Amino acid sequence: MLASLAAAAIAGCPVFPASSPWNQRVDGEPVRPGSDAMVRAIGLDATVHPDFGSGRYQGGRIGIPYQVVSKHLTRRHVRFQYASESDKGPYPIPAHPRIEAGSDRHLLIVQRGSCKLFELFAARKTHSGWTAGSGAIFNLRSNHLRPKGWTSADAAGLPILPGLARYGELAKGEIRHALRFTVAQTRSAFIFPARHSASDLTDPNLPAMGQRLRLKASVDISDLPRQARIVATALKRYGMIVADNGSDWFISGAPDPRWNNDDLHQLGRLKGSDFEVVSESPPRAPASP
């Protein structure tokens, strides 16, 4: 893999080390054998959709929000539907947390000072306390993976935060990490860095959880508006990782009123046929900058 820098920090915390697979460039990696068939299985003519922006959806902004809390904030116990694959916590949930609009209801929290990342799926506050489908706690300074076979707040057993396009990154003119995306059908398998699958399908042409795709170097993105071009450049350099079952070619980001939705929607000019699957060869240590 090509040399990479760590993604932009949040609250003084790295979004995982520079050596994290999320932060590794893959524009120099070989194409996976059978790439064309896998892209065809996802959808050659289906277009890219930025599932984030400044608009609103079901009472909230479009995208997956996150929040930063003090390390002194009282932690709360959470009851999990999938308790055997969830980190018990407790979790530092603020009084009025920002939760993703829609059915997934992801709740992402960065704890200042400790640099711990807390993520919940299907988070709800009830009369008796907090409940969630599943939850995971990550150390943002470590590349430690979840136990093999464990889910997280995402179907692939991956953290969500490092795969979000964040508006603050645009100030530096680039997104320096892979992006999270969804496809409608995955196969019953997971590959590094994913830890969990969520399918009974065995078609080898379907992507596994953790599969990384990238925008082909030959695709001309020079005439895209700035915000869309920065996202597309990241898709060429770092690619995007299959993290959940959902709509095909939907790319994740954090909501922000400063996103220009008209600019982002120009990403819809990119089609499945503009992408290729990155080789699944074992990860290599990053070269020196």
C-alpha atoms as a PDB file:
ATOM      1  CA  MET A   1       0.000   0.000   0.000  1.00  0.00           C
ATOM      2  CA  LEU A   2       1.121   3.562  -0.612  1.00  0.00           C
ATOM      3  CA  ALA A   3       2.207   5.826   2.231  1.00  0.00           C
ATOM      4  CA  SER A   4      -0.604   7.513   4.095  1.00  0.00           C
ATOM      5  CA  LEU A   5      -1.183  10.067   6.797  1.00  0.00           C
ATOM      6  CA  ALA A   6      -3.645   9.595   9.597  1.00  0.00           C
ATOM      7  CA  ALA A   7      -7.098  11.035   9.003  1.00  0.00           C
ATOM      8  CA  ALA A   8      -7.849  14.448  10.502  1.00  0.00           C
ATOM      9  CA  ALA A   9      -8.090  14.301  14.285  1.00  0.00           C
ATOM     10  CA  ILE A  10     -11.286  14.725  16.297  1.00  0.00           C
ATOM     11  CA  ALA A  11     -11.051  16.449  19.699  1.00  0.00           C
ATOM     12  CA  GLY A  12      -7.308  15.937  19.687  1.00  0.00           C
ATOM     13  CA  CYS A  13      -7.713  12.206  19.079  1.00  0.00           C
ATOM     14  CA  PRO A  14      -6.452  10.364  15.998  1.00  0.00           C
ATOM     15  CA  VAL A  15      -9.118   8.574  13.998  1.00  0.00           C
ATOM     16  CA  PHE A  16      -7.039   5.418  14.371  1.00  0.00           C
ATOM     17  CA  PRO A  17      -3.303   5.277  13.619  1.00  0.00           C
ATOM     18  CA  ALA A  18      -1.832   6.098  10.225  1.00  0.00           C
ATOM     19  CA  SER A  19      -1.232   2.354   9.830  1.00  0.00           C
ATOM     20  CA  SER A  20      -4.954   1.583  10.174  1.00  0.00           C
ATOM     21  CA  PRO A  21      -6.473  -0.058   7.090  1.00  0.00           C
ATOM     22  CA  TRP A  22      -8.936   2.847   7.009  1.00  0.00           C
ATOM     23  CA  ASN A  23      -6.050   5.277   6.534  1.00  0.00           C
ATOM     24  CA  GLN A  24      -4.113   3.304   3.922  1.00  0.00           C
ATOM     25  CA  ARG A  25      -4.033   4.415   0.300  1.00  0.00           C
ATOM     26  CA  VAL A  26      -4.869   1.671  -2.171  1.00  0.00           C
ATOM     27  CA  ASP A  27      -4.448   3.449  -5.509  1.00  0.00           C
ATOM     28  CA  GLY A  28      -1.257   1.441  -6.060  1.00  0.00           C
ATOM     29  CA  GLU A  29      -2.732  -1.949  -5.164  1.00  0.00           C
ATOM     30  CA  PRO A  30      -3.569  -4.577  -7.828  1.00  0.00           C
ATOM     31  CA  VAL A  31      -7.104  -5.233  -8.987  1.00  0.00           C
ATOM     32  CA  ARG A  32      -8.775  -8.311  -7.540  1.00  0.00           C
ATOM     33  CA  PRO A  33      -9.301 -11.199  -9.992  1.00  0.00           C
ATOM     34  CA  GLY A  34     -12.999 -11.306 -10.841  1.00  0.00           C
ATOM     35  CA  SER A  35     -13.429  -7.601 -10.169  1.00  0.00           C
ATOM     36  CA  ASP A  36     -15.710  -7.062 -13.167  1.00  0.00           C
ATOM     37  CA  ALA A  37     -18.080  -9.825 -12.085  1.00  0.00           C
ATOM     38  CA  MET A  38     -18.290  -8.451  -8.548  1.00  0.00           C
ATOM     39  CA  VAL A  39     -18.998  -4.924  -9.729  1.00  0.00           C
ATOM     40  CA  ARG A  40     -21.637  -6.325 -12.080  1.00  0.00           C
ATOM     41  CA  ALA A  41     -23.262  -8.135  -9.145  1.00  0.00           C
ATOM     42  CA  ILE A  42     -23.545  -4.844  -7.270  1.00  0.00           C
ATOM     43  CA  GLY A  43     -24.761  -2.912 -10.294  1.00  0.00           C
ATOM     44  CA  LEU A  44     -22.898  -1.536 -13.303  1.00  0.00           C
ATOM     45  CA  ASP A  45     -25.433   1.171 -14.110  1.00  0.00           C
ATOM     46  CA  ALA A  46     -26.466   2.046 -10.567  1.00  0.00           C
ATOM     47  CA  THR A  47     -25.123   5.438  -9.511  1.00  0.00           C
ATOM     48  CA  VAL A  48     -23.236   6.615  -6.447  1.00  0.00           C
ATOM     49  CA  HIS A  49     -25.373   8.280  -3.806  1.00  0.00           C
ATOM     50  CA  PRO A  50     -23.941  10.440  -0.999  1.00  0.00           C
ATOM     51  CA  ASP A  51     -26.035   9.414   2.003  1.00  0.00           C
ATOM     52  CA  PHE A  52     -25.183  12.617   3.860  1.00  0.00           C
ATOM     53  CA  GLY A  53     -25.401  16.356   3.435  1.00  0.00           C
ATOM     54  CA  SER A  54     -27.152  19.417   4.830  1.00  0.00           C
ATOM     55  CA  GLY A  55     -30.715  18.321   4.132  1.00  0.00           C
ATOM     56  CA  ARG A  56     -33.150  16.796   6.581  1.00  0.00           C
ATOM     57  CA  TYR A  57     -34.697  13.329   6.805  1.00  0.00           C
ATOM     58  CA  GLN A  58     -37.289  12.041   9.273  1.00  0.00           C
ATOM     59  CA  GLY A  59     -36.698  14.864  11.706  1.00  0.00           C
ATOM     60  CA  GLY A  60     -32.902  14.861  11.520  1.00  0.00           C
ATOM     61  CA  ARG A  61     -30.131  15.774   9.114  1.00  0.00           C
ATOM     62  CA  ILE A  62     -29.092  13.304   6.439  1.00  0.00           C
ATOM     63  CA  GLY A  63     -26.075  11.284   7.502  1.00  0.00           C
ATOM     64  CA  ILE A  64     -24.622   9.642  10.601  1.00  0.00           C
ATOM     65  CA  PRO A  65     -23.826  12.235  13.283  1.00  0.00           C
ATOM     66  CA  TYR A  66     -21.210  11.946  15.995  1.00  0.00           C
ATOM     67  CA  GLN A  67     -20.560  13.907  19.156  1.00  0.00           C
ATOM     68  CA  VAL A  68     -17.625  14.649  21.447  1.00  0.00           C
ATOM     69  CA  VAL A  69     -18.095  14.335  25.207  1.00  0.00           C
ATOM     70  CA  SER A  70     -15.976  14.955  28.285  1.00  0.00           C
ATOM     71  CA  LYS A  71     -14.169  12.030  29.860  1.00  0.00           C
ATOM     72  CA  HIS A  72     -15.945  13.031  33.078  1.00  0.00           C
ATOM     73  CA  LEU A  73     -19.438  12.523  31.667  1.00  0.00           C
ATOM     74  CA  THR A  74     -21.385   9.922  33.632  1.00  0.00           C
ATOM     75  CA  ARG A  75     -21.594   6.624  31.794  1.00  0.00           C
ATOM     76  CA  ARG A  76     -24.903   4.828  31.359  1.00  0.00           C
ATOM     77  CA  HIS A  77     -25.667   1.132  31.191  1.00  0.00           C
ATOM     78  CA  VAL A  78     -27.209  -0.127  27.940  1.00  0.00           C
ATOM     79  CA  ARG A  79     -29.297  -3.274  27.428  1.00  0.00           C
ATOM     80  CA  PHE A  80     -28.428  -5.026  24.151  1.00  0.00           C
ATOM     81  CA  GLN A  81     -30.413  -7.269  21.833  1.00  0.00           C
ATOM     82  CA  TYR A  82     -27.139  -8.917  20.716  1.00  0.00           C
ATOM     83  CA  ALA A  83     -25.475  -8.842  24.112  1.00  0.00           C
ATOM     84  CA  SER A  84     -23.072 -11.728  23.440  1.00  0.00           C
ATOM     85  CA  GLU A  85     -21.316  -9.716  20.693  1.00  0.00           C
ATOM     86  CA  SER A  86     -21.567  -6.279  22.314  1.00  0.00           C
ATOM     87  CA  ASP A  87     -19.176  -4.465  24.625  1.00  0.00           C
ATOM     88  CA  LYS A  88     -20.917  -4.075  27.971  1.00  0.00           C
ATOM     89  CA  GLY A  89     -19.818  -0.500  28.589  1.00  0.00           C
ATOM     90  CA  PRO A  90     -21.156   1.557  30.287  1.00  0.00           C
ATOM     91  CA  TYR A  91     -21.430   4.267  27.604  1.00  0.00           C
ATOM     92  CA  PRO A  92     -21.034   8.064  28.091  1.00  0.00           C
ATOM     93  CA  ILE A  93     -24.338   9.068  26.508  1.00  0.00           C
ATOM     94  CA  PRO A  94     -25.145  12.779  26.874  1.00  0.00           C
ATOM     95  CA  ALA A  95     -28.555  13.988  27.980  1.00  0.00           C
ATOM     96  CA  HIS A  96     -29.627  14.915  24.452  1.00  0.00           C
ATOM     97  CA  PRO A  97     -27.490  12.877  22.043  1.00  0.00           C
ATOM     98  CA  ARG A  98     -27.518  13.239  18.273  1.00  0.00           C
ATOM     99  CA  ILE A  99     -28.834   9.968  16.837  1.00  0.00           C
ATOM    100  CA  GLU A 100     -29.007   9.051  13.160  1.00  0.00           C
ATOM    101  CA  ALA A 101     -32.454   9.619  11.696  1.00  0.00           C
ATOM    102  CA  GLY A 102     -34.220   6.585  10.233  1.00  0.00           C
ATOM    103  CA  SER A 103     -34.351   2.966  11.304  1.00  0.00           C
ATOM    104  CA  ASP A 104     -30.651   2.318  12.041  1.00  0.00           C
ATOM    105  CA  ARG A 105     -30.433   4.973  14.764  1.00  0.00           C
ATOM    106  CA  HIS A 106     -26.659   4.886  15.082  1.00  0.00           C
ATOM    107  CA  LEU A 107     -25.224   6.777  18.048  1.00  0.00           C
ATOM    108  CA  LEU A 108     -21.504   7.649  17.828  1.00  0.00           C
ATOM    109  CA  ILE A 109     -19.553   9.203  20.700  1.00  0.00           C
ATOM    110  CA  VAL A 110     -15.908  10.276  20.960  1.00  0.00           C
ATOM    111  CA  GLN A 111     -14.692  10.680  24.529  1.00  0.00           C
ATOM    112  CA  ARG A 112     -12.213  13.514  24.838  1.00  0.00           C
ATOM    113  CA  GLY A 113      -9.016  12.685  26.723  1.00  0.00           C
ATOM    114  CA  SER A 114      -9.394   8.914  26.718  1.00  0.00           C
ATOM    115  CA  CYS A 115      -9.788   8.875  22.913  1.00  0.00           C
ATOM    116  CA  LYS A 116     -12.341   6.086  23.181  1.00  0.00           C
ATOM    117  CA  LEU A 117     -14.996   5.679  20.501  1.00  0.00           C
ATOM    118  CA  PHE A 118     -18.402   4.372  21.601  1.00  0.00           C
ATOM    119  CA  GLU A 119     -20.869   3.259  18.927  1.00  0.00           C
ATOM    120  CA  LEU A 120     -24.429   1.948  19.250  1.00  0.00           C
ATOM    121  CA  PHE A 121     -26.871   0.527  16.723  1.00  0.00           C
ATOM    122  CA  ALA A 122     -30.629   1.027  17.154  1.00  0.00           C
ATOM    123  CA  ALA A 123     -30.091   3.218  20.210  1.00  0.00           C
ATOM    124  CA  ARG A 124     -33.228   4.192  22.136  1.00  0.00           C
ATOM    125  CA  LYS A 125     -33.964   5.752  25.480  1.00  0.00           C
ATOM    126  CA  THR A 126     -36.856   4.059  27.287  1.00  0.00           C
ATOM    127  CA  HIS A 127     -38.565   4.672  30.600  1.00  0.00           C
ATOM    128  CA  SER A 128     -36.188   2.137  32.166  1.00  0.00           C
ATOM    129  CA  GLY A 129     -32.946   3.335  30.503  1.00  0.00           C
ATOM    130  CA  TRP A 130     -31.034   2.938  27.256  1.00  0.00           C
ATOM    131  CA  THR A 131     -31.379  -0.004  24.877  1.00  0.00           C
ATOM    132  CA  ALA A 132     -29.596  -0.851  21.623  1.00  0.00           C
ATOM    133  CA  GLY A 133     -29.292  -3.644  19.131  1.00  0.00           C
ATOM    134  CA  SER A 134     -25.521  -3.843  19.536  1.00  0.00           C
ATOM    135  CA  GLY A 135     -22.624  -1.748  20.724  1.00  0.00           C
ATOM    136  CA  ALA A 136     -18.858  -1.528  20.420  1.00  0.00           C
ATOM    137  CA  ILE A 137     -16.058   0.413  22.083  1.00  0.00           C
ATOM    138  CA  PHE A 138     -12.825   1.213  20.231  1.00  0.00           C
ATOM    139  CA  ASN A 139      -9.533   2.804  21.232  1.00  0.00           C
ATOM    140  CA  LEU A 140      -8.852   5.469  18.605  1.00  0.00           C
ATOM    141  CA  ARG A 141      -5.109   5.117  19.214  1.00  0.00           C
ATOM    142  CA  SER A 142      -5.100   1.381  18.425  1.00  0.00           C
ATOM    143  CA  ASN A 143      -5.643  -0.896  15.435  1.00  0.00           C
ATOM    144  CA  HIS A 144      -7.084  -3.635  17.645  1.00  0.00           C
ATOM    145  CA  LEU A 145      -9.914  -5.517  15.916  1.00  0.00           C
ATOM    146  CA  ARG A 146     -13.040  -6.969  17.457  1.00  0.00           C
ATOM    147  CA  PRO A 147     -13.120 -10.717  18.156  1.00  0.00           C
ATOM    148  CA  LYS A 148     -13.590 -12.805  15.038  1.00  0.00           C
ATOM    149  CA  GLY A 149     -17.272 -13.288  14.299  1.00  0.00           C
ATOM    150  CA  TRP A 150     -18.427 -10.335  16.388  1.00  0.00           C
ATOM    151  CA  THR A 151     -20.645  -7.603  15.037  1.00  0.00           C
ATOM    152  CA  SER A 152     -20.325  -3.968  16.157  1.00  0.00           C
ATOM    153  CA  ALA A 153     -22.737  -1.101  15.604  1.00  0.00           C
ATOM    154  CA  ASP A 154     -22.255  -2.048  11.943  1.00  0.00           C
ATOM    155  CA  ALA A 155     -22.906  -5.402  10.287  1.00  0.00           C
ATOM    156  CA  ALA A 156     -19.261  -5.840   9.268  1.00  0.00           C
ATOM    157  CA  GLY A 157     -18.011  -5.566  12.856  1.00  0.00           C
ATOM    158  CA  LEU A 158     -16.154  -2.382  11.922  1.00  0.00           C
ATOM    159  CA  PRO A 159     -16.162   1.063  13.515  1.00  0.00           C
ATOM    160  CA  ILE A 160     -18.377   3.531  11.680  1.00  0.00           C
ATOM    161  CA  LEU A 161     -16.690   6.851  12.449  1.00  0.00           C
ATOM    162  CA  PRO A 162     -13.486   6.351  10.403  1.00  0.00           C
ATOM    163  CA  GLY A 163     -15.526   5.711   7.259  1.00  0.00           C
ATOM    164  CA  LEU A 164     -17.563   8.917   7.388  1.00  0.00           C
ATOM    165  CA  ALA A 165     -16.902  11.865   5.103  1.00  0.00           C
ATOM    166  CA  ARG A 166     -16.630  14.836   7.482  1.00  0.00           C
ATOM    167  CA  TYR A 167     -17.043  18.421   6.373  1.00  0.00           C
ATOM    168  CA  GLY A 168     -14.112  19.544   8.539  1.00  0.00           C
ATOM    169  CA  GLU A 169     -11.767  17.554   6.323  1.00  0.00           C
ATOM    170  CA  LEU A 170     -12.542  19.823   3.379  1.00  0.00           C
ATOM    171  CA  ALA A 171     -10.577  22.649   5.007  1.00  0.00           C
ATOM    172  CA  LYS A 172      -7.443  20.593   4.298  1.00  0.00           C
ATOM    173  CA  GLY A 173      -8.612  19.971   0.758  1.00  0.00           C
ATOM    174  CA  GLU A 174      -8.673  16.196   1.052  1.00  0.00           C
ATOM    175  CA  ILE A 175     -10.241  13.220   2.777  1.00  0.00           C
ATOM    176  CA  ARG A 176      -7.402  10.956   3.931  1.00  0.00           C
ATOM    177  CA  HIS A 177      -9.239   7.714   4.604  1.00  0.00           C
ATOM    178  CA  ALA A 178     -11.501   5.114   3.043  1.00  0.00           C
ATOM    179  CA  LEU A 179     -15.238   5.703   3.090  1.00  0.00           C
ATOM    180  CA  ARG A 180     -18.006   3.464   4.382  1.00  0.00           C
ATOM    181  CA  PHE A 181     -20.582   2.255   1.863  1.00  0.00           C
ATOM    182  CA  THR A 182     -23.431  -0.202   1.574  1.00  0.00           C
ATOM    183  CA  VAL A 183     -24.641  -2.717  -0.987  1.00  0.00           C
ATOM    184  CA  ALA A 184     -27.964  -4.498  -1.203  1.00  0.00           C
ATOM    185  CA  GLN A 185     -26.520  -8.016  -1.186  1.00  0.00           C
ATOM    186  CA  THR A 186     -23.353  -9.393   0.383  1.00  0.00           C
ATOM    187  CA  ARG A 187     -22.119 -12.956   0.542  1.00  0.00           C
ATOM    188  CA  SER A 188     -21.771 -14.997   3.712  1.00  0.00           C
ATOM    189  CA  ALA A 189     -18.155 -14.003   4.349  1.00  0.00           C
ATOM    190  CA  PHE A 190     -15.980 -11.279   5.797  1.00  0.00           C
ATOM    191  CA  ILE A 191     -12.435 -10.235   4.953  1.00  0.00           C
ATOM    192  CA  PHE A 192      -9.881  -8.032   6.682  1.00  0.00           C
ATOM    193  CA  PRO A 193     -10.554  -5.691   8.385  1.00  0.00           C
ATOM    194  CA  ALA A 194     -14.198  -6.808   8.817  1.00  0.00           C
ATOM    195  CA  ARG A 195     -15.037  -9.299  11.573  1.00  0.00           C
ATOM    196  CA  HIS A 196     -18.640 -10.289  10.870  1.00  0.00           C
ATOM    197  CA  SER A 197     -20.946 -11.245   7.997  1.00  0.00           C
ATOM    198  CA  ALA A 198     -24.675 -10.704   7.658  1.00  0.00           C
ATOM    199  CA  SER A 199     -25.899 -12.875   4.808  1.00  0.00           C
ATOM    200  CA  ASP A 200     -26.787 -16.446   3.886  1.00  0.00           C
ATOM    201  CA  LEU A 201     -25.898 -15.937   0.209  1.00  0.00           C
ATOM    202  CA  THR A 202     -22.981 -17.895  -1.228  1.00  0.00           C
ATOM    203  CA  ASP A 203     -22.596 -16.397  -4.727  1.00  0.00           C
ATOM    204  CA  PRO A 204     -18.807 -15.809  -4.973  1.00  0.00           C
ATOM    205  CA  ASN A 205     -19.405 -12.745  -7.133  1.00  0.00           C
ATOM    206  CA  LEU A 206     -21.142 -10.922  -4.296  1.00  0.00           C
ATOM    207  CA  PRO A 207     -18.890  -8.758  -2.112  1.00  0.00           C
ATOM    208  CA  ALA A 208     -17.930  -9.861   1.369  1.00  0.00           C
ATOM    209  CA  MET A 209     -18.138  -7.570   4.349  1.00  0.00           C
ATOM    210  CA  GLY A 210     -14.896  -5.610   4.372  1.00  0.00           C
ATOM    211  CA  GLN A 211     -14.525  -5.717   0.569  1.00  0.00           C
ATOM    212  CA  ARG A 212     -12.744  -2.603  -0.692  1.00  0.00           C
ATOM    213  CA  LEU A 213     -13.514  -0.963  -3.993  1.00  0.00           C
ATOM    214  CA  ARG A 214     -11.980   2.144  -5.534  1.00  0.00           C
ATOM    215  CA  LEU A 215     -12.815   4.595  -8.282  1.00  0.00           C
ATOM    216  CA  LYS A 216     -10.772   3.776 -11.384  1.00  0.00           C
ATOM    217  CA  ALA A 217      -7.809   6.053 -12.046  1.00  0.00           C
ATOM    218  CA  SER A 218      -9.062   6.572 -15.592  1.00  0.00           C
ATOM    219  CA  VAL A 219     -12.316   8.236 -14.486  1.00  0.00           C
ATOM    220  CA  ASP A 220     -12.171  11.984 -15.122  1.00  0.00           C
ATOM    221  CA  ILE A 221     -13.349  13.893 -12.050  1.00  0.00           C
ATOM    222  CA  SER A 222     -11.745  17.241 -12.917  1.00  0.00           C
ATOM    223  CA  ASP A 223     -15.051  18.943 -13.723  1.00  0.00           C
ATOM    224  CA  LEU A 224     -16.845  17.865 -10.545  1.00  0.00           C
ATOM    225  CA  PRO A 225     -17.605  20.709  -8.105  1.00  0.00           C
ATOM    226  CA  ARG A 226     -15.126  21.029  -5.234  1.00  0.00           C
ATOM    227  CA  GLN A 227     -16.983  19.075  -2.529  1.00  0.00           C
ATOM    228  CA  ALA A 228     -17.832  16.216  -4.867  1.00  0.00           C
ATOM    229  CA  ARG A 229     -14.323  16.217  -6.315  1.00  0.00           C
ATOM    230  CA  ILE A 230     -12.730  15.871  -2.868  1.00  0.00           C
ATOM    231  CA  VAL A 231     -14.959  12.878  -2.108  1.00  0.00           C
ATOM    232  CA  ALA A 232     -14.229  11.337  -5.523  1.00  0.00           C
ATOM    233  CA  THR A 233     -10.493  11.830  -5.031  1.00  0.00           C
ATOM    234  CA  ALA A 234     -10.702   9.910  -1.758  1.00  0.00           C
ATOM    235  CA  LEU A 235     -12.527   7.143  -3.598  1.00  0.00           C
ATOM    236  CA  LYS A 236      -9.584   6.911  -6.000  1.00  0.00           C
ATOM    237  CA  ARG A 237      -6.852   7.041  -3.357  1.00  0.00           C
ATOM    238  CA  TYR A 238      -8.373   5.232  -0.367  1.00  0.00           C
ATOM    239  CA  GLY A 239     -11.434   3.527  -1.814  1.00  0.00           C
ATOM    240  CA  MET A 240     -14.532   2.514   0.098  1.00  0.00           C
ATOM    241  CA  ILE A 241     -15.268  -0.463   2.311  1.00  0.00           C
ATOM    242  CA  VAL A 242     -18.434  -2.587   2.392  1.00  0.00           C
ATOM    243  CA  ALA A 243     -19.728  -2.122   5.934  1.00  0.00           C
ATOM    244  CA  ASP A 244     -23.418  -3.015   5.864  1.00  0.00           C
ATOM    245  CA  ASN A 245     -26.306  -4.249   3.781  1.00  0.00           C
ATOM    246  CA  GLY A 246     -28.308  -1.355   2.368  1.00  0.00           C
ATOM    247  CA  SER A 247     -28.856   0.528  -0.856  1.00  0.00           C
ATOM    248  CA  ASP A 248     -26.235  -0.051  -3.550  1.00  0.00           C
ATOM    249  CA  TRP A 249     -23.383   2.470  -3.815  1.00  0.00           C
ATOM    250  CA  PHE A 250     -24.600   4.581  -0.869  1.00  0.00           C
ATOM    251  CA  ILE A 251     -21.602   6.378   0.677  1.00  0.00           C
ATOM    252  CA  SER A 252     -21.720   7.513   4.301  1.00  0.00           C
ATOM    253  CA  GLY A 253     -20.853  10.835   5.867  1.00  0.00           C
ATOM    254  CA  ALA A 254     -21.599  13.003   8.856  1.00  0.00           C
ATOM    255  CA  PRO A 255     -24.311  15.647   8.454  1.00  0.00           C
ATOM    256  CA  ASP A 256     -23.275  19.296   8.447  1.00  0.00           C
ATOM    257  CA  PRO A 257     -25.202  22.434   7.415  1.00  0.00           C
ATOM    258  CA  ARG A 258     -22.161  23.509   5.355  1.00  0.00           C
ATOM    259  CA  TRP A 259     -22.377  20.613   2.901  1.00  0.00           C
ATOM    260  CA  ASN A 260     -23.587  21.805  -0.504  1.00  0.00           C
ATOM    261  CA  ASN A 261     -26.185  19.228  -1.524  1.00  0.00           C
ATOM    262  CA  ASP A 262     -26.144  20.322  -5.169  1.00  0.00           C
ATOM    263  CA  ASP A 263     -22.380  19.736  -5.266  1.00  0.00           C
ATOM    264  CA  LEU A 264     -22.610  16.360  -3.549  1.00  0.00           C
ATOM    265  CA  HIS A 265     -25.370  15.149  -5.842  1.00  0.00           C
ATOM    266  CA  GLN A 266     -22.940  15.471  -8.757  1.00  0.00           C
ATOM    267  CA  LEU A 267     -21.375  12.285  -7.405  1.00  0.00           C
ATOM    268  CA  GLY A 268     -24.372  10.632  -9.048  1.00  0.00           C
ATOM    269  CA  ARG A 269     -22.468  11.013 -12.316  1.00  0.00           C
ATOM    270  CA  LEU A 270     -20.316   8.121 -11.122  1.00  0.00           C
ATOM    271  CA  LYS A 271     -21.670   4.643 -11.910  1.00  0.00           C
ATOM    272  CA  GLY A 272     -20.818   1.168 -10.738  1.00  0.00           C
ATOM    273  CA  SER A 273     -18.868   0.574 -13.932  1.00  0.00           C
ATOM    274  CA  ASP A 274     -16.454   3.326 -12.836  1.00  0.00           C
ATOM    275  CA  PHE A 275     -15.232   1.182  -9.918  1.00  0.00           C
ATOM    276  CA  GLU A 276     -12.975  -1.815  -9.446  1.00  0.00           C
ATOM    277  CA  VAL A 277     -12.345  -4.203  -6.560  1.00  0.00           C
ATOM    278  CA  VAL A 278      -9.012  -3.936  -4.768  1.00  0.00           C
ATOM    279  CA  SER A 279      -6.983  -7.116  -4.301  1.00  0.00           C
ATOM    280  CA  GLU A 280      -7.524  -8.975  -1.048  1.00  0.00           C
ATOM    281  CA  SER A 281      -3.804  -9.646  -0.591  1.00  0.00           C
ATOM    282  CA  PRO A 282      -2.593  -9.411   3.026  1.00  0.00           C
ATOM    283  CA  PRO A 283      -2.084  -5.815   4.204  1.00  0.00           C
ATOM    284  CA  ARG A 284       1.413  -4.418   4.098  1.00  0.00           C
ATOM    285  CA  ALA A 285       3.053  -1.942   6.434  1.00  0.00           C
ATOM    286  CA  PRO A 286       2.889   1.612   5.082  1.00  0.00           C
ATOM    287  CA  ALA A 287       5.985   2.972   3.438  1.00  0.00           C
ATOM    288  CA  SER A 288       7.740   5.978   4.944  1.00  0.00           C
ATOM    289  CA  PRO A 289       6.304   9.299   3.718  1.00  0.00           C
END
